Amino acid sequence: MSLAEQAYVQGNNGQWHVALISAGKWYANHPILLYAQYRVSLEDGEKSRKDDLLLKAVDEGLEDPDGLYEAARVLAKRGERAKEIALYRRILRLRPEHPEANYCLAMYYDQEQHDRPKAVHHLRIARDNLPEGNVWRARCEELLREFGQEP
């Protein structure tokens, strides 16, 4: 396991500070190092640069679907729709069943592209990968009914 992989495992086990210290042997723009810095800034409440760290990690090649989703939401808040949609597609290349990315793409296809078949496709994937009783699963089912589809 590489140093990057070891630090990433440490971070996902709630030890982002340890991961960041372990990562000191890499070059400064390694995507996992940048993502670890982002996670530490979240834990420390350091809001000023957290989004920039996350987006830099993405630019440097971050391949973590959850980190990419967080970055897509940052881009959404900034109004950078084209980059946001590109990240959802990148997430689905890594994890095709990612429910949040599928849901967001469903909304994009329905509301902006007026492509109901693609919206339905992504809603079904999102619904099928959310647990019973989940509020977002219920929302997917509600939308599928509105679209004339059986949930």
C-alpha atoms as a PDB file:
ATOM      1  CA  MET A   1       0.000   0.000   0.000  1.00  0.00           C
ATOM      2  CA  SER A   2       1.422   3.382  -0.983  1.00  0.00           C
ATOM      3  CA  LEU A   3       1.844   6.243   1.494  1.00  0.00           C
ATOM      4  CA  ALA A   4      -1.097   7.974  -0.164  1.00  0.00           C
ATOM      5  CA  GLU A   5      -3.305   4.918   0.290  1.00  0.00           C
ATOM      6  CA  GLN A   6      -2.219   4.509   3.908  1.00  0.00           C
ATOM      7  CA  ALA A   7      -3.007   8.128   4.723  1.00  0.00           C
ATOM      8  CA  TYR A   8      -6.345   7.897   2.946  1.00  0.00           C
ATOM      9  CA  VAL A   9      -7.302   4.832   5.011  1.00  0.00           C
ATOM     10  CA  GLN A  10      -6.270   6.672   8.182  1.00  0.00           C
ATOM     11  CA  GLY A  11      -8.395   9.631   7.172  1.00  0.00           C
ATOM     12  CA  ASN A  12     -11.445   7.545   6.427  1.00  0.00           C
ATOM     13  CA  ASN A  13     -11.029   6.033   9.875  1.00  0.00           C
ATOM     14  CA  GLY A  14     -11.450   9.513  11.341  1.00  0.00           C
ATOM     15  CA  GLN A  15      -7.751  10.268  11.639  1.00  0.00           C
ATOM     16  CA  TRP A  16      -7.341  13.061   9.092  1.00  0.00           C
ATOM     17  CA  HIS A  17      -4.740  14.838  11.237  1.00  0.00           C
ATOM     18  CA  VAL A  18      -2.618  11.652  11.316  1.00  0.00           C
ATOM     19  CA  ALA A  19      -3.100  11.226   7.579  1.00  0.00           C
ATOM     20  CA  LEU A  20      -1.910  14.766   6.968  1.00  0.00           C
ATOM     21  CA  ILE A  21       1.236  14.268   9.039  1.00  0.00           C
ATOM     22  CA  SER A  22       1.930  10.946   7.291  1.00  0.00           C
ATOM     23  CA  ALA A  23       1.556  12.624   3.944  1.00  0.00           C
ATOM     24  CA  GLY A  24       4.448  15.031   4.537  1.00  0.00           C
ATOM     25  CA  LYS A  25       6.703  12.818   2.427  1.00  0.00           C
ATOM     26  CA  TRP A  26       4.771  13.549  -0.777  1.00  0.00           C
ATOM     27  CA  TYR A  27       4.842  16.502  -3.056  1.00  0.00           C
ATOM     28  CA  ALA A  28       2.573  19.340  -1.951  1.00  0.00           C
ATOM     29  CA  ASN A  29      -0.029  18.947  -4.674  1.00  0.00           C
ATOM     30  CA  HIS A  30      -0.750  15.248  -4.253  1.00  0.00           C
ATOM     31  CA  PRO A  31      -4.566  15.002  -4.433  1.00  0.00           C
ATOM     32  CA  ILE A  32      -4.818  12.865  -1.297  1.00  0.00           C
ATOM     33  CA  LEU A  33      -2.659  15.328   0.644  1.00  0.00           C
ATOM     34  CA  LEU A  34      -4.876  18.199  -0.504  1.00  0.00           C
ATOM     35  CA  TYR A  35      -8.000  16.228   0.395  1.00  0.00           C
ATOM     36  CA  ALA A  36      -6.547  15.452   3.845  1.00  0.00           C
ATOM     37  CA  GLN A  37      -5.861  19.183   4.331  1.00  0.00           C
ATOM     38  CA  TYR A  38      -9.462  19.892   3.326  1.00  0.00           C
ATOM     39  CA  ARG A  39     -10.782  17.347   5.834  1.00  0.00           C
ATOM     40  CA  VAL A  40      -8.601  18.774   8.615  1.00  0.00           C
ATOM     41  CA  SER A  41      -9.847  22.282   7.813  1.00  0.00           C
ATOM     42  CA  LEU A  42     -13.414  20.971   8.180  1.00  0.00           C
ATOM     43  CA  GLU A  43     -12.640  19.422  11.556  1.00  0.00           C
ATOM     44  CA  ASP A  44     -10.904  22.577  12.736  1.00  0.00           C
ATOM     45  CA  GLY A  45     -13.675  24.860  11.491  1.00  0.00           C
ATOM     46  CA  GLU A  46     -11.254  26.595   9.143  1.00  0.00           C
ATOM     47  CA  LYS A  47     -13.769  27.665   6.514  1.00  0.00           C
ATOM     48  CA  SER A  48     -11.724  30.294   4.713  1.00  0.00           C
ATOM     49  CA  ARG A  49      -9.683  27.991   2.527  1.00  0.00           C
ATOM     50  CA  LYS A  50     -11.384  24.621   2.751  1.00  0.00           C
ATOM     51  CA  ASP A  51     -13.272  24.906  -0.524  1.00  0.00           C
ATOM     52  CA  ASP A  52     -10.170  25.995  -2.404  1.00  0.00           C
ATOM     53  CA  LEU A  53      -8.223  23.023  -0.992  1.00  0.00           C
ATOM     54  CA  LEU A  54     -10.963  20.656  -2.082  1.00  0.00           C
ATOM     55  CA  LEU A  55     -11.172  22.070  -5.606  1.00  0.00           C
ATOM     56  CA  LYS A  56      -7.386  21.962  -5.919  1.00  0.00           C
ATOM     57  CA  ALA A  57      -7.432  18.285  -4.881  1.00  0.00           C
ATOM     58  CA  VAL A  58      -9.986  17.662  -7.635  1.00  0.00           C
ATOM     59  CA  ASP A  59      -7.857  19.513 -10.180  1.00  0.00           C
ATOM     60  CA  GLU A  60      -4.839  17.437  -9.140  1.00  0.00           C
ATOM     61  CA  GLY A  61      -6.702  14.180  -9.774  1.00  0.00           C
ATOM     62  CA  LEU A  62      -8.663  13.242  -6.648  1.00  0.00           C
ATOM     63  CA  GLU A  63     -10.479   9.967  -7.350  1.00  0.00           C
ATOM     64  CA  ASP A  64     -12.629   9.667  -4.214  1.00  0.00           C
ATOM     65  CA  PRO A  65     -16.345   9.748  -5.194  1.00  0.00           C
ATOM     66  CA  ASP A  66     -17.428  11.301  -1.891  1.00  0.00           C
ATOM     67  CA  GLY A  67     -14.752  13.991  -2.115  1.00  0.00           C
ATOM     68  CA  LEU A  68     -15.765  14.675  -5.709  1.00  0.00           C
ATOM     69  CA  TYR A  69     -19.391  14.975  -4.618  1.00  0.00           C
ATOM     70  CA  GLU A  70     -18.419  17.491  -1.939  1.00  0.00           C
ATOM     71  CA  ALA A  71     -16.553  19.452  -4.627  1.00  0.00           C
ATOM     72  CA  ALA A  72     -19.561  19.325  -6.952  1.00  0.00           C
ATOM     73  CA  ARG A  73     -21.704  20.855  -4.205  1.00  0.00           C
ATOM     74  CA  VAL A  74     -19.119  23.633  -3.723  1.00  0.00           C
ATOM     75  CA  LEU A  75     -19.288  24.335  -7.461  1.00  0.00           C
ATOM     76  CA  ALA A  76     -23.095  24.340  -7.286  1.00  0.00           C
ATOM     77  CA  LYS A  77     -22.989  27.002  -4.570  1.00  0.00           C
ATOM     78  CA  ARG A  78     -20.621  29.039  -6.724  1.00  0.00           C
ATOM     79  CA  GLY A  79     -22.897  28.725  -9.750  1.00  0.00           C
ATOM     80  CA  GLU A  80     -20.334  26.812 -11.815  1.00  0.00           C
ATOM     81  CA  ARG A  81     -22.907  24.457 -13.335  1.00  0.00           C
ATOM     82  CA  ALA A  82     -20.835  23.005 -16.199  1.00  0.00           C
ATOM     83  CA  LYS A  83     -18.005  22.010 -13.843  1.00  0.00           C
ATOM     84  CA  GLU A  84     -20.497  20.658 -11.322  1.00  0.00           C
ATOM     85  CA  ILE A  85     -22.173  18.409 -13.914  1.00  0.00           C
ATOM     86  CA  ALA A  86     -18.778  17.216 -15.162  1.00  0.00           C
ATOM     87  CA  LEU A  87     -17.928  16.122 -11.601  1.00  0.00           C
ATOM     88  CA  TYR A  88     -21.186  14.158 -11.256  1.00  0.00           C
ATOM     89  CA  ARG A  89     -20.290  12.313 -14.451  1.00  0.00           C
ATOM     90  CA  ARG A  90     -16.768  11.696 -13.154  1.00  0.00           C
ATOM     91  CA  ILE A  91     -18.232  10.300  -9.925  1.00  0.00           C
ATOM     92  CA  LEU A  92     -20.420   7.897 -11.876  1.00  0.00           C
ATOM     93  CA  ARG A  93     -17.415   6.629 -13.834  1.00  0.00           C
ATOM     94  CA  LEU A  94     -15.863   5.720 -10.474  1.00  0.00           C
ATOM     95  CA  ARG A  95     -19.026   4.564  -8.690  1.00  0.00           C
ATOM     96  CA  PRO A  96     -21.998   4.186 -11.074  1.00  0.00           C
ATOM     97  CA  GLU A  97     -24.434   3.568  -8.214  1.00  0.00           C
ATOM     98  CA  HIS A  98     -23.573   6.777  -6.289  1.00  0.00           C
ATOM     99  CA  PRO A  99     -27.090   7.885  -5.240  1.00  0.00           C
ATOM    100  CA  GLU A 100     -26.476  11.594  -4.714  1.00  0.00           C
ATOM    101  CA  ALA A 101     -24.679  12.078  -8.032  1.00  0.00           C
ATOM    102  CA  ASN A 102     -27.432  10.144  -9.813  1.00  0.00           C
ATOM    103  CA  TYR A 103     -30.114  12.264  -8.141  1.00  0.00           C
ATOM    104  CA  CYS A 104     -28.385  15.518  -9.062  1.00  0.00           C
ATOM    105  CA  LEU A 105     -27.948  14.391 -12.668  1.00  0.00           C
ATOM    106  CA  ALA A 106     -31.617  13.380 -12.783  1.00  0.00           C
ATOM    107  CA  MET A 107     -32.588  16.912 -11.760  1.00  0.00           C
ATOM    108  CA  TYR A 108     -30.193  18.371 -14.330  1.00  0.00           C
ATOM    109  CA  TYR A 109     -31.597  16.211 -17.141  1.00  0.00           C
ATOM    110  CA  ASP A 110     -35.195  16.958 -16.189  1.00  0.00           C
ATOM    111  CA  GLN A 111     -35.013  20.668 -15.412  1.00  0.00           C
ATOM    112  CA  GLU A 112     -32.292  21.915 -17.738  1.00  0.00           C
ATOM    113  CA  GLN A 113     -32.000  19.420 -20.572  1.00  0.00           C
ATOM    114  CA  HIS A 114     -35.687  18.411 -20.663  1.00  0.00           C
ATOM    115  CA  ASP A 115     -34.573  14.823 -21.176  1.00  0.00           C
ATOM    116  CA  ARG A 116     -37.098  12.848 -19.156  1.00  0.00           C
ATOM    117  CA  PRO A 117     -35.779   9.355 -20.095  1.00  0.00           C
ATOM    118  CA  LYS A 118     -32.297  10.199 -18.760  1.00  0.00           C
ATOM    119  CA  ALA A 119     -33.829  11.783 -15.665  1.00  0.00           C
ATOM    120  CA  VAL A 120     -35.862   8.642 -14.993  1.00  0.00           C
ATOM    121  CA  HIS A 121     -32.799   6.449 -15.543  1.00  0.00           C
ATOM    122  CA  HIS A 122     -30.772   8.346 -12.930  1.00  0.00           C
ATOM    123  CA  LEU A 123     -33.690   8.587 -10.486  1.00  0.00           C
ATOM    124  CA  ARG A 124     -34.110   4.823 -10.547  1.00  0.00           C
ATOM    125  CA  ILE A 125     -30.426   4.264  -9.853  1.00  0.00           C
ATOM    126  CA  ALA A 126     -30.504   6.785  -7.002  1.00  0.00           C
ATOM    127  CA  ARG A 127     -33.642   5.220  -5.512  1.00  0.00           C
ATOM    128  CA  ASP A 128     -32.269   1.687  -5.774  1.00  0.00           C
ATOM    129  CA  ASN A 129     -29.128   2.660  -3.871  1.00  0.00           C
ATOM    130  CA  LEU A 130     -30.798   4.433  -0.974  1.00  0.00           C
ATOM    131  CA  PRO A 131     -32.155   2.542   2.047  1.00  0.00           C
ATOM    132  CA  GLU A 132     -35.869   2.039   2.653  1.00  0.00           C
ATOM    133  CA  GLY A 133     -37.303   4.892   4.681  1.00  0.00           C
ATOM    134  CA  ASN A 134     -34.651   7.361   3.510  1.00  0.00           C
ATOM    135  CA  VAL A 135     -36.118  10.785   2.738  1.00  0.00           C
ATOM    136  CA  TRP A 136     -34.227  11.014  -0.567  1.00  0.00           C
ATOM    137  CA  ARG A 137     -35.459   7.591  -1.615  1.00  0.00           C
ATOM    138  CA  ALA A 138     -39.014   8.768  -0.925  1.00  0.00           C
ATOM    139  CA  ARG A 139     -38.339  11.882  -3.017  1.00  0.00           C
ATOM    140  CA  CYS A 140     -37.068   9.732  -5.913  1.00  0.00           C
ATOM    141  CA  GLU A 141     -40.217   7.608  -5.724  1.00  0.00           C
ATOM    142  CA  GLU A 142     -42.394  10.725  -5.632  1.00  0.00           C
ATOM    143  CA  LEU A 143     -40.684  12.145  -8.723  1.00  0.00           C
ATOM    144  CA  LEU A 144     -40.937   8.855 -10.580  1.00  0.00           C
ATOM    145  CA  ARG A 145     -44.703   8.867  -9.931  1.00  0.00           C
ATOM    146  CA  GLU A 146     -44.907  12.492 -11.141  1.00  0.00           C
ATOM    147  CA  PHE A 147     -43.080  11.417 -14.295  1.00  0.00           C
ATOM    148  CA  GLY A 148     -45.645   8.688 -14.880  1.00  0.00           C
ATOM    149  CA  GLN A 149     -43.252   5.909 -13.902  1.00  0.00           C
ATOM    150  CA  GLU A 150     -43.858   3.175 -11.383  1.00  0.00           C
ATOM    151  CA  PRO A 151     -41.452   3.565  -8.470  1.00  0.00           C
END
